Amino acid sequence: MKHSAHFRVFVDTLIQVEQLEEYARAHHRTAPWSVFIKVDGGYRYVDQLNRSPIALLSSEDYRPYSRAGLAAGSRAMTDLITAVINAKHVRIFGFYSHFGRESPEMETS
């Protein structure tokens, strides 16, 4: 009986897509990387990339309770999807999001 496994990678930055492309070229990888694109589900405040609160408030991609990934309608998400579509060695398998907890406004004492 033949067994096979699938290794899928989560991506949420253009740099990750570029690194997968570089690795595939350097190691003569013929099978494309199968990736999930991470979508921001919200509900956890994160100072992304250690930007100041003022920079975060002015960013279109800022979500006050960001968890992980990119905002669904953001320019960054559009750019990431476009990069994967145009990549030779990377293919979208699906999208991943995690809704982990209530927002602070919903928490009860």
Foldseek 3Di string as FASTA:
>chain_A
DDDDDADEEEDAALVVLVVQLVVCVVVVPDAAHEYAAEEWPFAAADCPPVDDPVVLVPDPQRDRRTDDHTHPPDPSNVVNVVSQVPRPRHDYPYYDYDDDDDHPVPDDD
